[in-house]
Amino acid sequence: MARYTGPKSKIARKFGEAIFGYDKAFEKKQYPPGQHGPSKRRKMPKEYALQLKEKQKAKYTYGVLERQFRNLFKKASRKDGITGTILLQLLESRLDNVVFRMGLAPTRRAARQLVSHKHITLNGRVNNIPSTSLRAGDVVGIRPKSKNLEVIAQSLAGKGKKFAWVDWNPESQQGTFLTVPEREEIPENIKEQLIVELYSK
């Protein structure tokens, strides 16, 4: 399936924040890309442009394509509760995102690669589908043959941020998806209400 493989710094500059993690190039140029640089006067974006920008930001952040994202929104809109919050919770419950949150990979793109290359197990079985939706109590582990992978070892050795809705046991090399996170627990700077307004037109 197609994925964005272009320059990440350019996308980060477009949204005005390092959505893919720390970016040295973005730190130097924290203004939108373009040949005229930061001096060019830009028009105030209209409502539709702001809504579209938030949707694109969410898609790039979680590495989801348009059809997948639209299907997730439809699924969220059918559930009881706040549609925007449920949409983010569905994105956070994806297997590739949970692998990233547990600290097994430095980025979501790397986490997706670990899953698709069959290095990750779900409830004891190898799962190579990054979009798999997890439920509370699901156990994520590392395939026995993959436990010595350098990328996993380096990521686990780093001082990554801990998240309350996932738990990683270094002794058993397994983690548990404890519960679906509340909106205030999700650190991503996404205005989900704008996305809801965009799809509701």
Protein backbone atom coordinates (compact mmCIF):
# COMPACT_ATOMS: atom_id res chain seq x y z
CA MET A 1 0.00 0.00 0.00
CA ALA A 2 1.25 3.48 -0.88
CA ARG A 3 2.77 5.59 1.87
CA TYR A 4 4.30 9.07 1.91
CA THR A 5 8.06 8.66 1.48
CA GLY A 6 9.01 12.26 0.70
CA PRO A 7 10.92 14.77 2.86
CA LYS A 8 9.51 14.79 6.39
CA SER A 9 10.95 18.22 7.25
CA LYS A 10 8.92 19.84 4.47
CA ILE A 11 5.69 18.37 5.86
CA ALA A 12 6.61 19.41 9.41
CA ARG A 13 7.25 22.98 8.21
CA LYS A 14 3.91 22.96 6.41
CA PHE A 15 2.08 22.31 9.68
CA GLY A 16 4.39 24.42 11.83
CA GLU A 17 5.33 21.61 14.23
CA ALA A 18 7.59 18.56 14.30
CA ILE A 19 4.83 15.96 13.85
CA PHE A 20 7.35 13.20 13.06
CA GLY A 21 9.48 13.81 16.15
CA TYR A 22 12.62 15.89 16.65
CA ASP A 23 13.82 17.32 13.35
CA LYS A 24 17.06 19.30 13.10
CA ALA A 25 16.08 20.82 9.74
CA PHE A 26 12.71 21.93 11.11
CA GLU A 27 14.38 23.60 14.09
CA LYS A 28 16.37 25.77 11.68
CA LYS A 29 13.42 26.69 9.45
CA GLN A 30 10.22 26.94 11.45
CA TYR A 31 8.20 28.55 8.69
CA PRO A 32 6.19 27.14 5.75
CA PRO A 33 8.16 25.87 2.73
CA GLY A 34 8.33 27.99 -0.40
CA GLN A 35 10.83 29.83 -2.57
CA HIS A 36 10.16 33.19 -0.92
CA GLY A 37 10.98 32.04 2.59
CA PRO A 38 9.53 33.57 5.76
CA SER A 39 9.32 37.10 4.32
CA LYS A 40 6.42 36.32 1.98
CA ARG A 41 3.10 37.69 3.24
CA ARG A 42 0.57 34.90 3.38
CA LYS A 43 -3.19 35.23 3.27
CA MET A 44 -5.25 34.26 6.27
CA PRO A 45 -6.50 30.71 5.60
CA LYS A 46 -10.24 30.22 5.21
CA GLU A 47 -12.31 27.87 7.36
CA TYR A 48 -12.16 25.03 4.85
CA ALA A 49 -8.38 25.36 4.56
CA LEU A 50 -8.00 25.10 8.36
CA GLN A 51 -10.22 22.03 8.48
CA LEU A 52 -8.36 20.35 5.64
CA LYS A 53 -5.02 21.14 7.26
CA GLU A 54 -6.05 19.41 10.51
CA LYS A 55 -7.17 16.32 8.62
CA GLN A 56 -3.90 16.18 6.69
CA LYS A 57 -1.92 16.67 9.89
CA ALA A 58 -3.70 13.72 11.52
CA LYS A 59 -3.14 11.54 8.45
CA TYR A 60 0.58 12.31 8.28
CA THR A 61 1.02 11.96 12.04
CA TYR A 62 -0.47 8.47 12.18
CA GLY A 63 0.60 7.39 8.69
CA VAL A 64 -2.92 6.71 7.44
CA LEU A 65 -4.13 7.10 3.86
CA GLU A 66 -7.35 8.88 2.86
CA ARG A 67 -9.54 5.79 2.42
CA GLN A 68 -8.45 4.32 5.76
CA PHE A 69 -8.94 7.66 7.47
CA ARG A 70 -12.42 8.11 6.01
CA ASN A 71 -13.40 4.59 7.09
CA LEU A 72 -12.14 5.28 10.60
CA PHE A 73 -14.22 8.46 10.70
CA LYS A 74 -17.33 6.55 9.60
CA LYS A 75 -16.66 3.98 12.30
CA ALA A 76 -16.21 6.72 14.90
CA SER A 77 -19.41 8.49 13.84
CA ARG A 78 -21.42 5.31 14.38
CA LYS A 79 -20.29 4.98 17.99
CA ASP A 80 -21.86 6.76 20.96
CA GLY A 81 -19.81 9.67 22.26
CA ILE A 82 -17.78 12.54 20.85
CA THR A 83 -16.88 11.63 17.27
CA GLY A 84 -13.58 13.52 17.20
CA THR A 85 -12.34 11.93 20.41
CA ILE A 86 -13.38 8.45 19.28
CA LEU A 87 -11.53 9.02 15.97
CA LEU A 88 -8.29 9.76 17.81
CA GLN A 89 -8.84 6.79 20.10
CA LEU A 90 -9.23 4.50 17.07
CA LEU A 91 -5.98 5.88 15.64
CA GLU A 92 -4.22 5.34 18.97
CA SER A 93 -5.50 1.75 19.13
CA ARG A 94 -3.80 0.73 15.87
CA LEU A 95 -1.10 -1.93 16.31
CA ASP A 96 1.66 0.16 14.73
CA ASN A 97 0.87 3.10 16.99
CA VAL A 98 0.81 0.90 20.12
CA VAL A 99 4.21 -0.57 19.16
CA PHE A 100 5.49 3.01 18.89
CA ARG A 101 3.92 4.05 22.22
CA MET A 102 5.51 1.05 23.97
CA GLY A 103 8.92 2.27 22.86
CA LEU A 104 9.75 -0.63 20.54
CA ALA A 105 10.40 1.76 17.66
CA PRO A 106 11.64 5.38 17.49
CA THR A 107 8.92 6.47 15.05
CA ARG A 108 5.54 5.27 13.82
CA ARG A 109 7.05 4.62 10.41
CA ALA A 110 9.63 2.32 12.01
CA ALA A 111 6.90 0.64 14.08
CA ARG A 112 4.87 -0.01 10.94
CA GLN A 113 7.90 -1.61 9.33
CA LEU A 114 8.48 -3.87 12.34
CA VAL A 115 4.87 -5.05 12.15
CA SER A 116 4.78 -5.57 8.39
CA HIS A 117 8.08 -7.51 8.51
CA LYS A 118 6.59 -9.94 11.04
CA HIS A 119 8.73 -8.96 14.01
CA ILE A 120 5.74 -8.30 16.29
CA THR A 121 3.28 -10.71 17.89
CA LEU A 122 -0.25 -10.00 19.11
CA ASN A 123 -1.63 -12.30 21.79
CA GLY A 124 1.09 -14.83 21.03
CA ARG A 125 0.65 -14.90 17.26
CA VAL A 126 2.66 -13.07 14.60
CA ASN A 127 0.65 -10.16 13.20
CA ASN A 128 1.85 -8.25 10.15
CA ILE A 129 -1.13 -5.91 9.74
CA PRO A 130 -0.25 -2.43 11.11
CA SER A 131 -3.87 -1.26 11.06
CA THR A 132 -5.09 -4.01 13.42
CA SER A 133 -7.28 -2.44 16.10
CA LEU A 134 -6.38 -3.48 19.65
CA ARG A 135 -8.72 -4.00 22.58
CA ALA A 136 -8.03 -3.60 26.29
CA GLY A 137 -5.99 -6.56 27.53
CA ASP A 138 -4.32 -7.39 24.21
CA VAL A 139 -0.68 -8.43 24.63
CA VAL A 140 1.99 -7.18 22.22
CA GLY A 141 5.35 -8.93 22.09
CA ILE A 142 8.50 -9.38 20.05
CA ARG A 143 8.87 -12.48 17.90
CA PRO A 144 11.54 -14.75 19.48
CA LYS A 145 13.75 -14.60 16.38
CA SER A 146 13.56 -10.79 16.39
CA LYS A 147 14.46 -10.04 20.02
CA ASN A 148 18.06 -9.22 19.12
CA LEU A 149 17.17 -6.64 16.48
CA GLU A 150 19.34 -3.55 16.93
CA VAL A 151 16.54 -1.07 16.19
CA ILE A 152 14.37 -2.54 18.97
CA ALA A 153 17.24 -2.71 21.46
CA GLN A 154 18.25 0.90 20.79
CA SER A 155 14.67 2.14 21.03
CA LEU A 156 14.05 0.33 24.34
CA ALA A 157 17.36 1.62 25.72
CA GLY A 158 16.36 5.22 25.00
CA LYS A 159 14.57 7.31 27.57
CA GLY A 160 11.21 7.33 25.85
CA LYS A 161 8.07 8.82 27.34
CA LYS A 162 5.81 6.43 29.24
CA PHE A 163 2.08 6.34 28.53
CA ALA A 164 -0.57 5.34 31.05
CA TRP A 165 -2.62 3.22 28.67
CA VAL A 166 0.21 0.84 27.70
CA ASP A 167 2.52 -1.21 29.90
CA TRP A 168 5.84 -2.79 28.85
CA ASN A 169 7.52 -5.59 30.82
CA PRO A 170 11.26 -5.69 29.93
CA GLU A 171 11.71 -9.12 31.53
CA SER A 172 9.05 -10.91 29.50
CA GLN A 173 9.59 -8.65 26.47
CA GLN A 174 5.84 -8.16 26.29
CA GLY A 175 3.51 -5.22 26.67
CA THR A 176 -0.18 -4.86 27.39
CA PHE A 177 -2.65 -2.46 25.85
CA LEU A 178 -4.37 -1.56 29.12
CA THR A 179 -7.20 0.65 27.92
CA VAL A 180 -8.27 3.14 25.29
CA PRO A 181 -6.71 6.52 26.22
CA GLU A 182 -8.79 9.53 27.20
CA ARG A 183 -8.48 12.61 24.99
CA GLU A 184 -6.44 14.54 27.56
CA GLU A 185 -3.92 11.69 27.65
CA ILE A 186 -3.23 11.81 23.91
CA PRO A 187 -0.34 14.27 23.41
CA GLU A 188 -0.87 14.95 19.70
CA ASN A 189 -1.75 18.56 18.89
CA ILE A 190 -4.74 17.85 16.66
CA LYS A 191 -7.97 19.86 16.63
CA GLU A 192 -10.25 16.91 15.95
CA GLN A 193 -13.40 19.05 15.93
CA LEU A 194 -12.23 20.70 12.70
CA ILE A 195 -11.93 17.24 11.13
CA VAL A 196 -15.48 16.41 12.20
CA GLU A 197 -16.75 19.67 10.70
CA LEU A 198 -14.91 18.91 7.42
CA TYR A 199 -16.45 15.47 7.00
CA SER A 200 -19.87 16.70 8.12
CA LYS A 201 -20.27 19.09 5.18
